[in-house]
């Protein structure tokens, strides 16, 4: 029976990939748990010899200064009666039990406990294997397609979840298809470890380049930064650690063979490989590739890069819906302001032509605004007094024959405002006198006509 037990352990070790020591420890704990259920005692322990397969069952308690749990502990004095040189915290054996004391029910209980513990041990081993692979590539087979995710079979009863948000819009999957994915997270679940993977993460692009480019895998060429919009376009900045090695050429490969392999895996996504540069202006100019850059002005305080490009390259530098400029800003970490050389020249010419007048024009609106604020804040009484004063001043000025050149511009406006009511009153008086004068002859004619009719 001992030989059969050892053979069963070796078989489990080969099938489940669980270490032999962990298997023995798991079986010991399972058999001890089965004994405790039968005997209703907690101080039962089991020891298994891995070479011979012999099982030894015994009672043991822990030697402590103060006993808190009398079922599993006892005092140092009681322990020294069994073992004189006992130390604090040592497990002391008190009695050896018969290992064949199991009946049919006890054997069935022990079997269930052993199988349960073995499953738990297997799940722990699988979890540890995949937990150490976070941030790496894994290969899986499409098991089923769900509305919000695709489930990949990773083997050993492990499934990976590829959510819809982590899928490239250019790709379509079918049952049984082999898929590479990037491990984002590994979680424990009641059914075992669950993997959450992605194909849109920028780490996925980095791992693909490590597979295709030996220099990146060995560390001779380093990927310094990645900016990616999955399914559309990506930018990769590479630098060399070896003098004389072209990082862009090594990454692209002969006739673009290496980068084309990565593009094929990504379903046709465009990839720009640019050289890394410590100088921000040079790096920003490289990041806007394939557009040609004339100059880059760096604002360190606000982290803004003002870029000047030829007029014909402006749309190419910005990209469709601003994609090229957006990816360049993500790659470099700088806010990029792109202008054409024509607009820059026109702005400089306008500034040179304006000269000092531009300063005066800039100050004028402020004065007008101040006057408007003062007028808005004036009270009705103050406005009335202002009108009366202006009217009094207007009369002497008119009598003296003052002209607009002699009076200041600010006094001319109140005079005109005060003169309007007076002119209006004079016009009304003249009209009334004319009407009265015209009415007298009419009345005389009417009287004369009446007399003639009467006679």
Protein backbone atom coordinates (compact mmCIF):
# COMPACT_ATOMS: atom_id res chain seq x y z
CA UNK A 1 0.00 0.00 0.00
CA UNK A 2 2.90 2.30 0.72
CA UNK A 3 4.34 1.68 -2.72
CA UNK A 4 0.96 2.48 -4.27
CA UNK A 5 0.78 5.70 -2.29
CA UNK A 6 4.21 6.84 -3.47
CA UNK A 7 3.30 5.95 -7.04
CA UNK A 8 0.10 7.98 -6.78
CA UNK A 9 2.09 10.99 -5.52
CA UNK A 10 4.50 10.74 -8.44
CA UNK A 11 1.61 10.51 -10.90
CA UNK A 12 -0.06 13.58 -9.40
CA UNK A 13 3.24 15.39 -9.56
CA UNK A 14 3.51 14.66 -13.29
CA UNK A 15 -0.13 15.46 -14.15
CA UNK A 16 -0.87 18.50 -12.01
CA UNK A 17 2.62 20.01 -12.08
CA UNK A 18 2.39 20.43 -8.30
CA UNK A 19 5.73 20.08 -6.45
CA UNK A 20 6.16 16.82 -4.55
CA UNK A 21 6.78 18.53 -1.21
CA UNK A 22 3.59 20.55 -1.60
CA UNK A 23 1.67 17.37 -2.49
CA UNK A 24 2.89 15.59 0.63
CA UNK A 25 2.10 18.59 2.83
CA UNK A 26 -1.39 18.86 1.31
CA UNK A 27 -2.13 15.15 1.90
CA UNK A 28 -0.87 15.40 5.49
CA UNK A 29 -3.20 18.31 6.21
CA UNK A 30 -6.12 16.52 4.54
CA UNK A 31 -5.70 13.28 6.51
CA UNK A 32 -5.24 15.22 9.76
CA UNK A 33 -8.47 17.13 9.05
CA UNK A 34 -10.30 13.82 8.44
CA UNK A 35 -9.00 12.41 11.77
CA UNK A 36 -10.12 15.52 13.62
CA UNK A 37 -13.63 15.20 12.21
CA UNK A 38 -13.87 11.59 13.37
CA UNK A 39 -12.27 12.01 16.81
CA UNK A 40 -13.61 15.54 17.46
CA UNK A 41 -10.16 16.54 18.73
CA UNK A 42 -7.85 19.26 17.50
CA UNK A 43 -4.40 18.02 18.59
CA UNK A 44 -4.04 15.33 15.89
CA UNK A 45 -1.17 15.58 13.40
CA UNK A 46 -0.08 13.45 10.44
CA UNK A 47 3.40 12.86 9.06
CA UNK A 48 4.12 11.10 5.74
CA UNK A 49 7.49 9.71 4.66
CA UNK A 50 7.93 10.69 1.03
CA UNK A 51 10.35 7.84 0.27
CA UNK A 52 8.60 4.88 1.90
CA UNK A 53 5.05 6.25 1.93
CA UNK A 54 4.57 5.38 5.63
CA UNK A 55 1.87 7.42 7.38
CA UNK A 56 2.32 8.29 11.06
CA UNK A 57 -0.56 9.75 13.11
CA UNK A 58 0.06 11.24 16.55
CA UNK A 59 -1.19 13.76 19.09
CA UNK A 60 0.90 16.85 19.80
CA UNK A 61 0.43 20.16 21.55
CA UNK A 62 2.25 23.47 21.56
CA UNK A 63 4.27 24.43 24.68
CA UNK A 64 3.47 28.02 25.78
CA UNK A 65 3.74 30.20 28.90
CA UNK A 66 0.05 31.04 29.05
CA UNK A 67 -2.49 28.59 27.72
CA UNK A 68 -5.15 30.24 25.54
CA UNK A 69 -6.48 27.18 23.71
CA UNK A 70 -6.36 24.02 25.89
CA UNK A 71 -7.21 21.81 22.89
CA UNK A 72 -3.95 22.58 21.07
CA UNK A 73 -1.70 24.08 23.82
CA UNK A 74 -0.35 23.22 27.22
CA UNK A 75 1.99 24.83 29.73
CA UNK A 76 5.75 24.50 29.83
CA UNK A 77 5.62 22.46 33.05
CA UNK A 78 3.36 19.85 31.44
CA UNK A 79 5.55 19.81 28.36
CA UNK A 80 8.74 19.32 30.40
CA UNK A 81 7.19 16.26 32.02
CA UNK A 82 7.18 14.67 28.56
CA UNK A 83 10.29 16.33 27.17
CA UNK A 84 12.73 17.93 29.65
CA UNK A 85 14.59 20.11 27.13
CA UNK A 86 11.46 21.56 25.52
CA UNK A 87 11.59 25.16 24.32
CA UNK A 88 8.85 27.76 24.27
CA UNK A 89 6.70 27.42 21.10
CA UNK A 90 7.82 23.85 20.38
CA UNK A 91 5.39 21.13 19.28
CA UNK A 92 5.54 18.21 21.73
CA UNK A 93 4.18 14.77 20.86
CA UNK A 94 1.92 13.28 23.52
CA UNK A 95 0.55 10.07 21.96
CA UNK A 96 0.86 7.99 18.80
CA UNK A 97 -2.34 6.78 17.17
CA UNK A 98 -3.12 3.80 14.98
CA UNK A 99 -2.96 4.83 11.32
CA UNK A 100 -5.42 2.10 10.31
CA UNK A 101 -8.19 3.29 12.61
CA UNK A 102 -10.29 4.58 9.71
CA UNK A 103 -13.58 2.90 8.96
CA UNK A 104 -15.51 3.10 5.73
CA UNK A 105 -17.02 6.49 6.57
CA UNK A 106 -13.69 7.82 7.80
CA UNK A 107 -11.92 6.66 4.65
CA UNK A 108 -14.55 8.32 2.45
CA UNK A 109 -14.22 11.58 4.42
CA UNK A 110 -10.45 11.47 4.11
CA UNK A 111 -10.73 10.90 0.35
CA UNK A 112 -13.01 13.91 -0.13
CA UNK A 113 -10.77 16.15 1.94
CA UNK A 114 -7.65 14.99 0.08
CA UNK A 115 -9.24 15.64 -3.34
CA UNK A 116 -10.45 19.08 -2.26
CA UNK A 117 -7.04 20.06 -0.93
CA UNK A 118 -5.37 18.77 -4.08
CA UNK A 119 -7.64 20.93 -6.25
CA UNK A 120 -6.84 23.96 -4.11
CA UNK A 121 -3.13 23.23 -4.35
CA UNK A 122 -3.38 22.89 -8.13
CA UNK A 123 -5.21 26.23 -8.40
CA UNK A 124 -2.58 27.92 -6.25
CA UNK A 125 0.19 26.58 -8.47
CA UNK A 126 -1.58 27.73 -11.65
CA UNK A 127 -2.28 31.14 -10.11
CA UNK A 128 1.38 31.56 -9.17
CA UNK A 129 2.43 30.60 -12.70
CA UNK A 130 0.20 33.18 -14.38
CA UNK A 131 0.58 35.86 -11.70
CA UNK A 132 4.29 35.94 -12.47
CA UNK A 133 3.45 36.57 -16.15
CA UNK A 134 1.63 39.86 -15.69
CA UNK A 135 2.85 42.28 -18.35
CA UNK A 136 3.87 39.47 -20.73
CA UNK A 137 2.44 37.89 -23.86
CA UNK A 138 0.32 34.74 -23.69
CA UNK A 139 -1.15 32.54 -26.41
CA UNK A 140 -4.73 31.33 -26.23
CA UNK A 141 -7.46 29.81 -28.35
CA UNK A 142 -10.84 31.46 -28.84
CA UNK A 143 -13.25 29.29 -26.84
CA UNK A 144 -16.44 31.31 -27.12
CA UNK A 145 -17.58 34.75 -28.20
CA UNK A 146 -19.82 36.75 -25.86
CA UNK A 147 -21.45 40.17 -26.39
CA UNK A 148 -19.01 42.02 -24.16
CA UNK A 149 -15.92 39.83 -24.30
CA UNK A 150 -14.11 36.97 -25.99
CA UNK A 151 -13.12 34.01 -23.79
CA UNK A 152 -9.73 32.44 -24.54
CA UNK A 153 -8.73 28.97 -23.43
CA UNK A 154 -5.22 29.12 -21.94
CA UNK A 155 -4.97 25.42 -21.02
CA UNK A 156 -4.99 23.73 -17.59
CA UNK A 157 -8.59 24.84 -17.15
CA UNK A 158 -7.63 28.51 -17.17
CA UNK A 159 -9.63 31.08 -19.16
CA UNK A 160 -8.64 34.57 -20.25
CA UNK A 161 -11.12 37.40 -20.75
CA UNK A 162 -10.52 39.71 -23.73
CA UNK A 163 -13.03 42.53 -23.20
CA UNK A 164 -14.53 44.46 -26.10
CA UNK A 165 -12.78 47.63 -24.94
CA UNK A 166 -9.44 45.81 -25.19
CA UNK A 167 -9.99 44.63 -28.78
CA UNK A 168 -8.75 46.37 -31.90
CA UNK A 169 -11.55 47.61 -34.19
CA UNK A 170 -9.68 46.18 -37.19
CA UNK A 171 -9.78 42.58 -35.92
CA UNK A 172 -12.45 39.90 -36.04
CA UNK A 173 -12.24 36.58 -34.17
CA UNK A 174 -13.59 33.10 -34.80
CA UNK A 175 -13.87 29.97 -32.69
CA UNK A 176 -10.62 28.01 -32.54
CA UNK A 177 -8.44 30.94 -33.66
CA UNK A 178 -5.05 31.31 -31.96
CA UNK A 179 -4.67 34.76 -30.39
CA UNK A 180 -1.74 36.54 -28.74
CA UNK A 181 -2.65 38.87 -25.88
CA UNK A 182 -1.03 41.01 -23.19
CA UNK A 183 -1.73 40.01 -19.56
CA UNK A 184 -3.15 42.95 -17.61
CA UNK A 185 -4.21 41.25 -14.37
CA UNK A 186 -4.61 37.83 -12.76
CA UNK A 187 -7.39 37.30 -10.20
CA UNK A 188 -8.43 34.45 -7.93
CA UNK A 189 -11.95 33.14 -8.50
CA UNK A 190 -13.89 30.17 -7.06
CA UNK A 191 -13.37 28.39 -10.37
CA UNK A 192 -9.64 29.04 -10.41
CA UNK A 193 -7.42 31.87 -11.65
CA UNK A 194 -8.91 34.26 -14.22
CA UNK A 195 -6.78 36.31 -16.61
CA UNK A 196 -7.71 39.70 -18.03
CA UNK A 197 -5.84 40.37 -21.27
CA UNK A 198 -5.61 43.16 -23.85
CA UNK A 199 -4.61 43.71 -27.45
CA UNK A 200 -4.86 47.53 -27.36
CA UNK A 201 -2.38 48.21 -24.56
CA UNK A 202 0.88 49.85 -25.61
CA UNK A 203 2.72 47.11 -23.70
CA UNK A 204 1.33 44.63 -26.24
CA UNK A 205 3.10 46.55 -29.03
CA UNK A 206 6.34 46.58 -27.02
CA UNK A 207 6.25 42.80 -26.46
CA UNK A 208 5.62 42.20 -30.17
CA UNK A 209 8.72 44.21 -31.06
CA UNK A 210 10.71 42.18 -28.53
CA UNK A 211 9.62 39.01 -30.32
CA UNK A 212 10.51 40.29 -33.79
CA UNK A 213 13.65 42.37 -33.07
CA UNK A 214 16.55 40.51 -31.37
CA UNK A 215 18.31 43.80 -30.54
CA UNK A 216 15.30 44.95 -28.49
CA UNK A 217 15.03 41.58 -26.75
CA UNK A 218 18.71 41.66 -25.78
CA UNK A 219 18.54 45.29 -24.67
CA UNK A 220 20.93 46.73 -27.26
CA UNK A 221 18.07 48.80 -28.68
CA UNK A 222 15.64 50.23 -26.14
CA UNK A 223 12.05 51.36 -26.68
CA UNK A 224 11.98 54.70 -24.85
CA UNK A 225 8.37 55.80 -25.47
CA UNK A 226 5.20 54.57 -27.18
CA UNK A 227 2.06 56.48 -28.19
CA UNK A 228 -0.72 54.34 -29.61
CA UNK A 229 -4.25 54.62 -30.92
CA UNK A 230 -5.16 50.97 -31.40
CA UNK A 231 -6.39 50.03 -34.84
CA UNK A 232 -5.25 53.30 -36.42
CA UNK A 233 -1.67 54.44 -35.81
CA UNK A 234 1.22 54.20 -33.37
CA UNK A 235 4.51 56.00 -32.80
CA UNK A 236 7.52 54.23 -31.25
CA UNK A 237 10.65 56.08 -30.09
CA UNK A 238 13.77 53.89 -29.99
CA UNK A 239 17.29 54.56 -28.76
CA UNK A 240 20.56 52.62 -29.01
CA UNK A 241 22.83 51.60 -26.14
CA UNK A 242 25.61 50.56 -28.49
CA UNK A 243 27.66 53.17 -30.28
CA UNK A 244 27.39 53.00 -34.05
CA UNK A 245 24.14 51.01 -34.09
CA UNK A 246 21.19 52.57 -35.91
CA UNK A 247 18.16 51.92 -33.68
CA UNK A 248 15.59 52.77 -36.36
CA UNK A 249 17.22 50.53 -38.95
CA UNK A 250 17.48 47.63 -36.52
CA UNK A 251 13.82 48.00 -35.53
CA UNK A 252 12.49 48.34 -39.07
CA UNK A 253 14.64 45.55 -40.47
CA UNK A 254 15.77 44.85 -44.00
CA UNK A 255 13.13 46.20 -46.38
CA UNK A 256 10.85 46.69 -43.39
CA UNK A 257 10.52 42.95 -42.71
CA UNK A 258 10.52 43.22 -38.91
CA UNK A 259 8.06 46.06 -38.58
CA UNK A 260 5.80 44.50 -41.21
CA UNK A 261 5.54 41.36 -39.09
CA UNK A 262 4.29 43.49 -36.19
CA UNK A 263 1.88 45.35 -38.49
CA UNK A 264 0.47 42.03 -39.71
CA UNK A 265 -0.13 40.86 -36.13
CA UNK A 266 -1.97 44.14 -35.40
CA UNK A 267 -4.23 43.80 -38.44
CA UNK A 268 -2.69 46.57 -40.57
CA UNK A 269 -2.16 49.26 -37.92
CA UNK A 270 0.33 51.92 -39.11
CA UNK A 271 3.54 52.23 -37.09
CA UNK A 272 6.04 55.13 -37.17
CA UNK A 273 9.50 54.32 -35.77
CA UNK A 274 11.44 57.47 -34.81
CA UNK A 275 14.83 58.00 -33.13
CA UNK A 276 14.93 59.10 -29.50
CA UNK A 277 16.78 62.34 -28.74
CA UNK A 278 17.63 63.99 -25.43
CA UNK A 279 17.17 67.44 -27.01
CA UNK A 280 13.43 68.30 -26.73
CA UNK A 281 13.39 70.37 -29.92
CA UNK A 282 14.98 67.58 -31.99
CA UNK A 283 12.74 64.96 -30.42
CA UNK A 284 9.60 66.98 -31.15
CA UNK A 285 10.73 67.49 -34.75
CA UNK A 286 11.29 63.72 -35.11
CA UNK A 287 7.95 62.92 -33.50
CA UNK A 288 6.06 64.94 -36.15
CA UNK A 289 7.43 62.65 -38.85
CA UNK A 290 6.71 62.26 -41.77
CA UNK A 291 6.15 66.05 -41.86
CA UNK A 292 9.15 68.33 -42.43
CA UNK A 293 9.85 70.79 -39.57
CA UNK A 294 11.61 74.14 -40.10
CA UNK A 295 12.10 75.21 -36.48
CA UNK A 296 11.03 74.34 -32.93
CA UNK A 297 10.84 76.93 -30.15
CA UNK A 298 10.73 75.34 -26.66
CA UNK A 299 8.94 77.03 -23.73
CA UNK A 300 10.35 75.21 -20.71
CA UNK A 301 8.15 76.98 -18.17
CA UNK A 302 4.81 76.03 -19.75
CA UNK A 303 6.15 72.92 -21.55
CA UNK A 304 4.98 74.17 -24.95
CA UNK A 305 6.78 73.48 -28.22
CA UNK A 306 6.05 76.07 -30.94
CA UNK A 307 6.70 74.33 -34.26
CA UNK A 308 7.02 75.99 -37.67
CA UNK A 309 6.44 73.87 -40.77
CA UNK A 310 6.17 74.69 -44.50
CA UNK A 311 2.73 75.69 -45.71
CA UNK A 312 2.45 72.57 -47.86
CA UNK A 313 3.31 70.37 -44.85
CA UNK A 314 0.83 71.90 -42.41
CA UNK A 315 -1.98 69.39 -42.99
CA UNK A 316 0.48 66.49 -42.92
CA UNK A 317 1.98 67.67 -39.62
CA UNK A 318 -1.44 67.99 -38.00
CA UNK A 319 -2.74 64.75 -39.48
CA UNK A 320 -6.27 63.53 -40.05
CA UNK A 321 -8.45 64.91 -37.25
CA UNK A 322 -5.23 66.03 -35.52
CA UNK A 323 -3.99 62.48 -35.03
CA UNK A 324 -0.33 63.05 -35.95
CA UNK A 325 0.04 66.06 -33.64
CA UNK A 326 -1.87 64.29 -30.87
CA UNK A 327 0.34 61.19 -30.98
CA UNK A 328 3.48 63.35 -31.12
CA UNK A 329 2.35 65.23 -28.01
CA UNK A 330 1.73 61.95 -26.14
CA UNK A 331 5.07 60.55 -27.24
CA UNK A 332 7.15 63.58 -26.23
CA UNK A 333 5.14 64.82 -23.26
CA UNK A 334 5.11 68.37 -24.68
CA UNK A 335 2.17 70.48 -25.77
CA UNK A 336 2.75 71.17 -29.47
CA UNK A 337 1.60 74.34 -31.29
CA UNK A 338 2.01 73.98 -35.08
CA UNK A 339 2.07 76.99 -37.45
CA UNK A 340 3.01 77.41 -41.09
CA UNK A 341 5.92 79.55 -42.20
CA UNK A 342 3.53 81.79 -44.19
CA UNK A 343 1.40 82.60 -41.14
CA UNK A 344 4.51 83.28 -39.06
CA UNK A 345 5.87 85.68 -41.72
CA UNK A 346 2.52 87.48 -42.00
CA UNK A 347 2.32 87.88 -38.21
CA UNK A 348 5.86 89.36 -38.10
CA UNK A 349 5.10 91.75 -40.98
CA UNK A 350 1.89 92.93 -39.34
CA UNK A 351 3.68 93.53 -36.05
CA UNK A 352 6.47 95.48 -37.78
CA UNK A 353 3.99 97.66 -39.74
CA UNK A 354 1.87 98.45 -36.69
CA UNK A 355 4.79 99.79 -34.66
CA UNK A 356 3.95 102.23 -31.78
CA UNK A 357 0.39 102.79 -33.10
CA UNK A 358 -0.44 99.30 -32.04
CA UNK A 359 0.29 100.24 -28.45
CA UNK A 360 -1.97 103.34 -28.66
CA UNK A 361 -4.77 101.32 -30.25
CA UNK A 362 -4.45 98.76 -27.53
CA UNK A 363 -4.79 101.46 -24.84
CA UNK A 364 -7.82 103.20 -26.44
CA UNK A 365 -10.40 100.51 -25.77
CA UNK A 366 -9.41 100.55 -22.11
CA UNK A 367 -10.18 104.29 -21.85
CA UNK A 368 -13.52 103.83 -23.63
CA UNK A 369 -14.38 101.01 -21.30
CA UNK A 370 -13.51 103.17 -18.31
CA UNK A 371 -15.77 105.95 -19.56
CA UNK A 372 -18.58 103.47 -20.15
CA UNK A 373 -18.24 102.12 -16.63
CA UNK A 374 -18.29 105.64 -15.17
CA UNK A 375 -21.43 106.52 -17.18
CA UNK A 376 -23.17 103.33 -16.12
CA UNK A 377 -22.45 104.00 -12.46
CA UNK A 378 -23.70 107.66 -12.53
CA UNK A 379 -26.97 108.41 -10.70
CA UNK A 380 -29.99 110.12 -12.40
CA UNK A 381 -29.57 113.26 -10.26
CA UNK A 382 -25.93 113.52 -11.28
CA UNK A 383 -26.86 113.16 -14.97
CA UNK A 384 -29.48 115.96 -14.68
CA UNK A 385 -27.03 118.36 -13.05
CA UNK A 386 -24.49 117.57 -15.75
CA UNK A 387 -27.01 118.44 -18.49
CA UNK A 388 -27.88 121.81 -16.86
CA UNK A 389 -24.24 122.75 -16.48
CA UNK A 390 -23.56 121.84 -20.10
CA UNK A 391 -26.46 124.02 -21.28
CA UNK A 392 -25.17 127.04 -19.36
CA UNK A 393 -21.71 126.60 -20.82
CA UNK A 394 -23.11 126.23 -24.36
CA UNK A 395 -24.76 129.68 -24.44
CA UNK A 396 -21.61 131.81 -23.91
CA UNK A 397 -19.69 129.61 -26.33
CA UNK A 398 -22.27 130.14 -29.08
CA UNK A 399 -22.39 133.90 -28.49
CA UNK A 400 -18.65 134.23 -28.69
CA UNK A 401 -18.57 132.25 -31.99
CA UNK A 402 -16.45 129.40 -30.58
CA UNK A 403 -15.42 126.76 -33.08
CA UNK A 404 -14.77 123.02 -32.70
CA UNK A 405 -11.05 123.59 -33.06
CA UNK A 406 -10.99 126.01 -30.11
CA UNK A 407 -13.05 123.85 -27.76
CA UNK A 408 -11.77 120.47 -26.52
CA UNK A 409 -13.40 117.36 -27.90
CA UNK A 410 -14.73 116.31 -24.52
CA UNK A 411 -16.67 119.69 -24.08
CA UNK A 412 -18.15 119.59 -27.59
CA UNK A 413 -20.28 116.56 -26.87
CA UNK A 414 -22.11 118.10 -23.84
CA UNK A 415 -22.71 121.36 -25.83
CA UNK A 416 -24.33 119.49 -28.69
CA UNK A 417 -26.40 117.46 -26.29
CA UNK A 418 -27.59 120.61 -24.49
CA UNK A 419 -28.31 122.49 -27.74
CA UNK A 420 -30.76 119.90 -29.07
CA UNK A 421 -33.60 120.59 -26.58
CA UNK A 422 -33.37 124.40 -27.18
CA UNK A 423 -33.46 123.98 -30.97
CA UNK A 424 -36.48 121.73 -30.67
CA UNK A 425 -38.41 124.29 -28.54
CA UNK A 426 -37.64 127.13 -31.07
CA UNK A 427 -38.91 125.06 -33.96
CA UNK A 428 -42.19 124.27 -32.17
CA UNK A 429 -42.77 128.00 -31.33
CA UNK A 430 -42.17 129.10 -34.94
CA UNK A 431 -44.65 126.52 -36.28
CA UNK A 432 -47.36 127.66 -33.84
CA UNK A 433 -46.96 131.37 -34.82
CA UNK A 434 -47.14 130.55 -38.54
CA UNK A 435 -50.31 128.54 -38.08
CA UNK A 436 -51.97 131.38 -36.08
CA UNK A 437 -51.03 133.96 -38.73
CA UNK A 438 -52.46 131.82 -41.53
CA UNK A 439 -55.70 131.29 -39.60
CA UNK A 440 -56.58 135.09 -39.42
CA UNK A 441 -57.11 135.69 -43.22
CA UNK A 442 -59.19 132.56 -43.42
CA UNK A 443 -61.44 133.81 -40.63
CA UNK A 444 -61.89 137.20 -42.37
CA UNK A 445 -62.82 135.54 -45.68
CA UNK A 446 -65.34 133.34 -43.94
CA UNK A 447 -67.00 136.40 -42.26
CA UNK A 448 -67.21 138.31 -45.54
CA UNK A 449 -68.81 135.37 -47.35
CA UNK A 450 -71.45 135.09 -44.60
CA UNK A 451 -72.39 138.79 -44.94
CA UNK A 452 -72.85 138.49 -48.72
CA UNK A 453 -75.16 135.51 -48.36
CA UNK A 454 -77.25 137.37 -45.82
CA UNK A 455 -77.78 140.41 -48.06
